[in-house]
Amino acid sequence: MIYELRTYTLYPGKVPEFLERLGKAIPIREKYSKPLAVWYTEIGELNQIVSLWPYDSLAHRTQVRLGSTQDPEWQKVVDQDRAISMKWENKILIPADFSPLK
């Protein structure tokens, strides 16, 4: 199991818009995989959305990303997100042997 940690840094004041749109669009993305969690920051670096996506392997992630990037409905959402985002960051996380999420 691996996890993708995605951090979106948005323009100030755009968190509610992003969350509303994502909440409506998540069923489109869930055709490919489901998020483990989606958060927004309240303390620390503000104007961020953080999501955690589980995958069986890097190959599984590649397969899911290929499917979602070819989905016109999902790409419409992604294009709208780009318009209100300053920065996107992805990290692939590998759980330690003793991790509860292994």
N, C-alpha and C. Protein backbone atom coordinates (compact mmCIF):
# COMPACT_ATOMS: atom_id res chain seq x y z
N MET A 1 0.85 -1.18 0.00
CA MET A 1 0.00 0.00 0.00
C MET A 1 0.89 1.24 0.00
N ILE A 2 0.52 2.22 -0.81
CA ILE A 2 1.18 3.52 -0.80
C ILE A 2 0.08 4.58 -0.68
N TYR A 3 0.51 5.78 -0.36
CA TYR A 3 -0.43 6.89 -0.22
C TYR A 3 0.09 8.09 -0.99
N GLU A 4 -0.82 8.81 -1.62
CA GLU A 4 -0.46 10.06 -2.27
C GLU A 4 -1.03 11.19 -1.43
N LEU A 5 -0.15 12.06 -0.98
CA LEU A 5 -0.53 13.24 -0.22
C LEU A 5 -0.50 14.41 -1.19
N ARG A 6 -1.66 15.00 -1.43
CA ARG A 6 -1.78 16.11 -2.37
C ARG A 6 -2.09 17.37 -1.59
N THR A 7 -1.33 18.42 -1.83
CA THR A 7 -1.56 19.70 -1.17
C THR A 7 -1.80 20.76 -2.25
N TYR A 8 -2.92 21.43 -2.12
CA TYR A 8 -3.28 22.51 -3.02
C TYR A 8 -3.19 23.81 -2.24
N THR A 9 -2.38 24.73 -2.69
CA THR A 9 -2.33 26.06 -2.10
C THR A 9 -3.15 26.98 -2.99
N LEU A 10 -4.19 27.55 -2.41
CA LEU A 10 -5.16 28.32 -3.17
C LEU A 10 -4.96 29.81 -2.97
N TYR A 11 -5.52 30.58 -3.87
CA TYR A 11 -5.54 32.03 -3.66
C TYR A 11 -6.39 32.33 -2.44
N PRO A 12 -6.05 33.38 -1.70
CA PRO A 12 -6.81 33.70 -0.49
C PRO A 12 -8.32 33.79 -0.75
N GLY A 13 -9.07 33.19 0.17
CA GLY A 13 -10.52 33.22 0.10
C GLY A 13 -11.16 32.16 -0.79
N LYS A 14 -10.36 31.30 -1.42
CA LYS A 14 -10.89 30.34 -2.38
C LYS A 14 -11.15 28.95 -1.78
N VAL A 15 -10.83 28.74 -0.51
CA VAL A 15 -11.04 27.41 0.10
C VAL A 15 -12.51 26.99 0.03
N PRO A 16 -13.46 27.84 0.44
CA PRO A 16 -14.86 27.40 0.37
C PRO A 16 -15.31 27.00 -1.04
N GLU A 17 -14.89 27.76 -2.04
CA GLU A 17 -15.25 27.44 -3.42
C GLU A 17 -14.67 26.09 -3.85
N PHE A 18 -13.39 25.87 -3.52
CA PHE A 18 -12.72 24.62 -3.86
C PHE A 18 -13.45 23.44 -3.20
N LEU A 19 -13.73 23.56 -1.90
CA LEU A 19 -14.37 22.47 -1.17
C LEU A 19 -15.78 22.19 -1.70
N GLU A 20 -16.52 23.22 -2.01
CA GLU A 20 -17.87 23.02 -2.54
C GLU A 20 -17.81 22.28 -3.87
N ARG A 21 -16.93 22.71 -4.74
CA ARG A 21 -16.81 22.06 -6.05
C ARG A 21 -16.31 20.63 -5.92
N LEU A 22 -15.31 20.42 -5.06
CA LEU A 22 -14.78 19.07 -4.87
C LEU A 22 -15.85 18.16 -4.27
N GLY A 23 -16.60 18.66 -3.30
CA GLY A 23 -17.66 17.85 -2.70
C GLY A 23 -18.67 17.37 -3.73
N LYS A 24 -19.00 18.22 -4.68
CA LYS A 24 -19.94 17.84 -5.73
C LYS A 24 -19.29 16.90 -6.76
N ALA A 25 -17.98 17.04 -6.95
CA ALA A 25 -17.29 16.28 -8.01
C ALA A 25 -16.70 14.96 -7.54
N ILE A 26 -16.63 14.76 -6.24
CA ILE A 26 -15.96 13.56 -5.73
C ILE A 26 -16.57 12.27 -6.30
N PRO A 27 -17.90 12.17 -6.52
CA PRO A 27 -18.42 10.94 -7.14
C PRO A 27 -17.82 10.64 -8.52
N ILE A 28 -17.47 11.68 -9.26
CA ILE A 28 -16.81 11.46 -10.57
C ILE A 28 -15.46 10.81 -10.34
N ARG A 29 -14.69 11.35 -9.40
CA ARG A 29 -13.34 10.83 -9.14
C ARG A 29 -13.38 9.45 -8.49
N GLU A 30 -14.43 9.17 -7.73
CA GLU A 30 -14.54 7.88 -7.05
C GLU A 30 -14.79 6.73 -8.01
N LYS A 31 -15.06 7.03 -9.27
CA LYS A 31 -15.14 5.96 -10.28
C LYS A 31 -13.78 5.28 -10.42
N TYR A 32 -12.72 5.99 -10.04
CA TYR A 32 -11.35 5.50 -10.22
C TYR A 32 -10.71 5.09 -8.90
N SER A 33 -10.89 5.90 -7.86
CA SER A 33 -10.43 5.58 -6.51
C SER A 33 -11.06 6.58 -5.55
N LYS A 34 -11.07 6.19 -4.28
CA LYS A 34 -11.69 7.03 -3.25
C LYS A 34 -10.63 7.64 -2.35
N PRO A 35 -10.84 8.88 -1.95
CA PRO A 35 -9.88 9.49 -1.02
C PRO A 35 -10.02 8.87 0.37
N LEU A 36 -8.91 8.80 1.08
CA LEU A 36 -8.95 8.38 2.47
C LEU A 36 -9.39 9.55 3.35
N ALA A 37 -8.95 10.75 2.97
CA ALA A 37 -9.30 11.95 3.75
C ALA A 37 -9.07 13.19 2.90
N VAL A 38 -9.84 14.24 3.23
CA VAL A 38 -9.65 15.57 2.66
C VAL A 38 -9.75 16.56 3.81
N TRP A 39 -8.75 17.44 3.95
CA TRP A 39 -8.73 18.42 5.02
C TRP A 39 -8.48 19.80 4.44
N TYR A 40 -8.73 20.82 5.24
CA TYR A 40 -8.29 22.17 4.93
C TYR A 40 -7.60 22.72 6.16
N THR A 41 -6.69 23.66 5.94
CA THR A 41 -5.90 24.20 7.04
C THR A 41 -6.63 25.35 7.73
N GLU A 42 -6.50 25.38 9.03
CA GLU A 42 -7.09 26.43 9.84
C GLU A 42 -6.00 27.17 10.62
N ILE A 43 -4.95 26.46 10.96
CA ILE A 43 -3.81 27.03 11.68
C ILE A 43 -2.55 26.60 10.93
N GLY A 44 -1.57 27.49 10.85
CA GLY A 44 -0.36 27.21 10.08
C GLY A 44 -0.48 27.89 8.73
N GLU A 45 0.06 27.26 7.71
CA GLU A 45 -0.04 27.84 6.36
C GLU A 45 -1.49 27.74 5.89
N LEU A 46 -2.09 28.87 5.64
CA LEU A 46 -3.51 28.92 5.31
C LEU A 46 -3.76 28.75 3.82
N ASN A 47 -5.03 28.68 3.48
CA ASN A 47 -5.47 28.56 2.08
C ASN A 47 -4.98 27.27 1.44
N GLN A 48 -4.97 26.19 2.22
CA GLN A 48 -4.55 24.90 1.69
C GLN A 48 -5.62 23.84 1.87
N ILE A 49 -5.71 22.98 0.87
CA ILE A 49 -6.50 21.76 0.93
C ILE A 49 -5.50 20.61 0.85
N VAL A 50 -5.67 19.63 1.70
CA VAL A 50 -4.78 18.48 1.73
C VAL A 50 -5.64 17.22 1.59
N SER A 51 -5.27 16.35 0.68
CA SER A 51 -6.01 15.10 0.52
C SER A 51 -5.04 13.92 0.54
N LEU A 52 -5.56 12.79 0.99
CA LEU A 52 -4.76 11.57 1.09
C LEU A 52 -5.49 10.47 0.32
N TRP A 53 -4.78 9.90 -0.66
CA TRP A 53 -5.35 8.90 -1.56
C TRP A 53 -4.58 7.60 -1.43
N PRO A 54 -5.23 6.49 -1.09
CA PRO A 54 -4.54 5.19 -0.99
C PRO A 54 -4.50 4.48 -2.35
N TYR A 55 -3.41 3.79 -2.58
CA TYR A 55 -3.25 2.96 -3.78
C TYR A 55 -2.56 1.67 -3.39
N ASP A 56 -2.85 0.62 -4.13
CA ASP A 56 -2.22 -0.67 -3.85
C ASP A 56 -0.72 -0.64 -4.18
N SER A 57 -0.35 0.17 -5.18
CA SER A 57 1.03 0.24 -5.65
C SER A 57 1.17 1.45 -6.55
N LEU A 58 2.42 1.73 -6.98
CA LEU A 58 2.62 2.82 -7.95
C LEU A 58 1.94 2.49 -9.28
N ALA A 59 1.93 1.21 -9.64
CA ALA A 59 1.26 0.81 -10.88
C ALA A 59 -0.25 1.08 -10.78
N HIS A 60 -0.83 0.80 -9.62
CA HIS A 60 -2.25 1.08 -9.41
C HIS A 60 -2.51 2.58 -9.52
N ARG A 61 -1.65 3.40 -8.91
CA ARG A 61 -1.80 4.85 -9.00
C ARG A 61 -1.74 5.30 -10.46
N THR A 62 -0.79 4.77 -11.21
CA THR A 62 -0.64 5.12 -12.62
C THR A 62 -1.91 4.78 -13.39
N GLN A 63 -2.47 3.61 -13.13
CA GLN A 63 -3.70 3.17 -13.79
C GLN A 63 -4.86 4.11 -13.45
N VAL A 64 -5.00 4.46 -12.19
CA VAL A 64 -6.07 5.35 -11.75
C VAL A 64 -5.91 6.73 -12.37
N ARG A 65 -4.69 7.25 -12.33
CA ARG A 65 -4.44 8.59 -12.89
C ARG A 65 -4.71 8.61 -14.39
N LEU A 66 -4.34 7.54 -15.09
CA LEU A 66 -4.60 7.47 -16.53
C LEU A 66 -6.10 7.53 -16.80
N GLY A 67 -6.86 6.76 -16.04
CA GLY A 67 -8.32 6.78 -16.22
C GLY A 67 -8.92 8.13 -15.93
N SER A 68 -8.51 8.74 -14.81
CA SER A 68 -9.11 10.02 -14.42
C SER A 68 -8.69 11.16 -15.36
N THR A 69 -7.46 11.11 -15.86
CA THR A 69 -7.02 12.19 -16.76
C THR A 69 -7.69 12.10 -18.13
N GLN A 70 -8.26 10.94 -18.44
CA GLN A 70 -8.97 10.78 -19.72
C GLN A 70 -10.48 10.99 -19.57
N ASP A 71 -10.92 11.31 -18.37
CA ASP A 71 -12.33 11.53 -18.10
C ASP A 71 -12.66 13.01 -18.28
N PRO A 72 -13.43 13.38 -19.29
CA PRO A 72 -13.70 14.80 -19.54
C PRO A 72 -14.41 15.49 -18.38
N GLU A 73 -15.29 14.77 -17.68
CA GLU A 73 -15.97 15.37 -16.53
C GLU A 73 -14.98 15.74 -15.44
N TRP A 74 -14.05 14.82 -15.14
CA TRP A 74 -13.06 15.09 -14.09
C TRP A 74 -12.10 16.18 -14.54
N GLN A 75 -11.71 16.19 -15.79
CA GLN A 75 -10.77 17.20 -16.27
C GLN A 75 -11.37 18.60 -16.23
N LYS A 76 -12.67 18.70 -16.39
CA LYS A 76 -13.35 19.99 -16.24
C LYS A 76 -13.17 20.52 -14.81
N VAL A 77 -13.30 19.63 -13.84
CA VAL A 77 -13.10 19.99 -12.43
C VAL A 77 -11.66 20.42 -12.20
N VAL A 78 -10.72 19.65 -12.72
CA VAL A 78 -9.30 19.95 -12.56
C VAL A 78 -8.98 21.32 -13.16
N ASP A 79 -9.50 21.61 -14.33
CA ASP A 79 -9.26 22.91 -14.97
C ASP A 79 -9.79 24.06 -14.11
N GLN A 80 -10.95 23.88 -13.50
CA GLN A 80 -11.50 24.91 -12.61
C GLN A 80 -10.63 25.08 -11.38
N ASP A 81 -10.10 23.97 -10.86
CA ASP A 81 -9.22 24.04 -9.69
C ASP A 81 -7.94 24.80 -10.00
N ARG A 82 -7.41 24.60 -11.19
CA ARG A 82 -6.18 25.29 -11.58
C ARG A 82 -6.38 26.81 -11.57
N ALA A 83 -7.57 27.25 -11.89
CA ALA A 83 -7.85 28.69 -11.97
C ALA A 83 -7.79 29.38 -10.61
N ILE A 84 -7.98 28.62 -9.52
CA ILE A 84 -7.97 29.24 -8.19
C ILE A 84 -6.81 28.75 -7.33
N SER A 85 -5.88 28.03 -7.95
CA SER A 85 -4.74 27.46 -7.22
C SER A 85 -3.45 28.17 -7.59
N MET A 86 -2.63 28.39 -6.58
CA MET A 86 -1.29 28.96 -6.82
C MET A 86 -0.26 27.85 -6.99
N LYS A 87 -0.49 26.72 -6.29
CA LYS A 87 0.53 25.67 -6.29
C LYS A 87 -0.12 24.33 -5.95
N TRP A 88 0.35 23.26 -6.61
CA TRP A 88 -0.05 21.89 -6.29
C TRP A 88 1.21 21.13 -5.94
N GLU A 89 1.10 20.29 -4.93
CA GLU A 89 2.25 19.46 -4.53
C GLU A 89 1.77 18.05 -4.26
N ASN A 90 2.47 17.07 -4.81
CA ASN A 90 2.17 15.66 -4.59
C ASN A 90 3.36 15.00 -3.92
N LYS A 91 3.06 14.12 -2.97
CA LYS A 91 4.09 13.29 -2.35
C LYS A 91 3.57 11.87 -2.31
N ILE A 92 4.43 10.93 -2.62
CA ILE A 92 4.10 9.52 -2.46
C ILE A 92 4.69 9.08 -1.13
N LEU A 93 3.84 8.55 -0.27
CA LEU A 93 4.24 8.13 1.07
C LEU A 93 4.17 6.60 1.16
N ILE A 94 5.20 6.03 1.75
CA ILE A 94 5.26 4.59 1.95
C ILE A 94 5.22 4.34 3.46
N PRO A 95 4.20 3.62 3.94
CA PRO A 95 4.08 3.44 5.38
C PRO A 95 5.19 2.57 5.96
N ALA A 96 5.61 2.92 7.17
CA ALA A 96 6.57 2.09 7.91
C ALA A 96 5.92 0.76 8.26
N ASP A 97 6.73 -0.24 8.48
CA ASP A 97 6.21 -1.58 8.80
C ASP A 97 5.22 -1.58 9.96
N PHE A 98 5.41 -0.68 10.93
CA PHE A 98 4.55 -0.67 12.11
C PHE A 98 3.37 0.30 11.99
N SER A 99 3.22 0.93 10.85
CA SER A 99 2.15 1.92 10.66
C SER A 99 0.78 1.24 10.67
N PRO A 100 -0.21 1.84 11.34
CA PRO A 100 -1.57 1.30 11.30
C PRO A 100 -2.17 1.33 9.90
N LEU A 101 -1.68 2.19 9.02
CA LEU A 101 -2.20 2.28 7.66
C LEU A 101 -1.39 1.46 6.65
N LYS A 102 -0.61 0.53 7.11
CA LYS A 102 0.21 -0.29 6.19
C LYS A 102 -0.67 -1.18 5.35
